Amino acid sequence: ELQARVEEMEEELEAERQSRAKAERQRADLSREFDELTERLDESCVTTAAQIELNKKREAEIMKLRKDIEESNIQQEATLLSLRKKHQDAVTEMSEQCDQLNKIKTKIDKDKT
């Protein structure tokens, strides 16, 4: 009976050892997987940070371009207004000259008759 109890205890001990070995392997596998996932997460964070920096640079570039376009539009509007004024002044001057010439012509025609 004692021999049977010893054999039973040895079997339980062996089962416990196998369970512990299995648990150790699983723990090692999980630890390795955790390390791999941590490394991938770190790489992903670096990539994300780089992408954020790139986006900030692009956003700044877009804002600069928008500002440049706005300044260009303002300058073009000022140029257009200046040209319109010059055109209107020229038209007014020519109209006045035409009126003067018509008055002179009318006077000359009147003097001839």
Protein backbone atom coordinates (compact mmCIF):
# COMPACT_ATOMS: atom_id res chain seq x y z
CA GLU A 1 0.00 0.00 0.00
CA LEU A 2 2.85 2.37 0.76
CA GLN A 3 4.48 1.44 -2.54
CA ALA A 4 1.23 2.25 -4.35
CA ARG A 5 1.03 5.58 -2.51
CA VAL A 6 4.66 6.40 -3.50
CA GLU A 7 3.97 5.51 -7.12
CA GLU A 8 0.84 7.62 -7.07
CA MET A 9 2.79 10.56 -5.59
CA GLU A 10 5.54 10.10 -8.19
CA GLU A 11 2.92 10.15 -10.96
CA GLU A 12 1.41 13.31 -9.49
CA LEU A 13 4.89 14.81 -9.21
CA GLU A 14 5.64 13.94 -12.83
CA ALA A 15 2.28 15.37 -13.92
CA GLU A 16 3.07 18.52 -11.92
CA ARG A 17 6.50 18.79 -13.56
CA GLN A 18 4.97 18.38 -17.01
CA SER A 19 2.34 20.99 -16.18
CA ARG A 20 5.00 23.39 -14.96
CA ALA A 21 7.15 22.77 -18.06
CA LYS A 22 4.11 23.36 -20.26
CA ALA A 23 3.24 26.51 -18.32
CA GLU A 24 6.87 27.71 -18.64
CA ARG A 25 6.80 27.12 -22.42
CA GLN A 26 3.50 28.96 -22.68
CA ARG A 27 4.84 31.80 -20.53
CA ALA A 28 7.96 32.01 -22.71
CA ASP A 29 5.81 32.00 -25.87
CA LEU A 30 3.56 34.71 -24.44
CA SER A 31 6.58 36.74 -23.32
CA ARG A 32 8.11 36.49 -26.80
CA GLU A 33 4.79 37.44 -28.42
CA PHE A 34 4.44 40.35 -25.99
CA ASP A 35 7.96 41.55 -26.88
CA GLU A 36 7.20 41.28 -30.60
CA LEU A 37 3.95 43.19 -30.18
CA THR A 38 5.71 45.84 -28.10
CA GLU A 39 8.35 46.22 -30.80
CA ARG A 40 5.69 46.50 -33.51
CA LEU A 41 3.84 49.09 -31.42
CA ASP A 42 7.03 51.10 -30.96
CA GLU A 43 7.69 50.98 -34.71
CA SER A 44 4.12 52.01 -35.35
CA CYS A 45 4.47 54.93 -32.94
CA VAL A 46 7.64 56.08 -34.70
CA THR A 47 5.91 55.81 -38.06
CA THR A 48 2.89 57.68 -36.73
CA ALA A 49 5.08 60.43 -35.28
CA ALA A 50 6.90 60.76 -38.60
CA GLN A 51 3.57 60.93 -40.44
CA ILE A 52 2.32 63.59 -38.02
CA GLU A 53 5.46 65.67 -38.63
CA LEU A 54 5.07 65.26 -42.38
CA ASN A 55 1.41 66.32 -42.14
CA LYS A 56 2.40 69.38 -40.10
CA LYS A 57 4.96 70.37 -42.74
CA ARG A 58 2.44 69.89 -45.53
CA GLU A 59 -0.17 71.87 -43.61
CA ALA A 60 2.31 74.72 -43.10
CA GLU A 61 3.18 74.62 -46.80
CA ILE A 62 -0.50 74.72 -47.75
CA MET A 63 -1.09 77.67 -45.41
CA LYS A 64 1.87 79.51 -46.98
CA LEU A 65 0.54 78.83 -50.46
CA ARG A 66 -2.93 80.05 -49.46
CA LYS A 67 -1.39 83.22 -48.04
CA ASP A 68 0.63 83.73 -51.22
CA ILE A 69 -2.47 83.23 -53.37
CA GLU A 70 -4.46 85.67 -51.23
CA GLU A 71 -1.70 88.29 -51.51
CA SER A 72 -1.52 87.71 -55.26
CA ASN A 73 -5.30 88.13 -55.56
CA ILE A 74 -5.15 91.39 -53.60
CA GLN A 75 -2.35 92.66 -55.83
CA GLN A 76 -4.23 91.65 -58.99
CA GLU A 77 -7.39 93.39 -57.78
CA ALA A 78 -5.41 96.56 -57.11
CA THR A 79 -3.83 96.36 -60.58
CA LEU A 80 -7.25 95.80 -62.15
CA LEU A 81 -8.73 98.81 -60.34
CA SER A 82 -5.79 100.95 -61.44
CA LEU A 83 -6.18 99.86 -65.07
CA ARG A 84 -9.93 100.50 -64.97
CA LYS A 85 -9.33 104.00 -63.61
CA LYS A 86 -6.73 104.72 -66.30
CA HIS A 87 -9.13 103.42 -68.94
CA GLN A 88 -11.99 105.54 -67.61
CA ASP A 89 -9.75 108.61 -67.46
CA ALA A 90 -8.63 108.01 -71.05
CA VAL A 91 -12.26 107.57 -72.19
CA THR A 92 -13.27 110.76 -70.38
CA GLU A 93 -10.37 112.69 -71.90
CA MET A 94 -11.19 111.43 -75.41
CA SER A 95 -14.86 112.31 -74.93
CA GLU A 96 -13.86 115.82 -73.90
CA GLN A 97 -11.57 116.08 -76.94
CA CYS A 98 -14.40 114.86 -79.20
CA ASP A 99 -16.75 117.44 -77.67
CA GLN A 100 -14.14 120.18 -78.22
CA LEU A 101 -13.57 119.07 -81.81
CA ASN A 102 -17.32 118.96 -82.47
CA LYS A 103 -17.67 122.48 -81.06
CA ILE A 104 -14.81 123.69 -83.26
CA LYS A 105 -16.31 121.94 -86.29
CA THR A 106 -19.70 123.42 -85.58
CA LYS A 107 -18.15 126.87 -85.21
CA ILE A 108 -16.17 126.47 -88.45
CA ASP A 109 -19.29 125.26 -90.28
CA LYS A 110 -21.25 128.19 -88.87
CA ASP A 111 -18.49 130.65 -89.86
CA LYS A 112 -18.47 129.27 -93.45
CA THR A 113 -22.11 129.94 -93.91
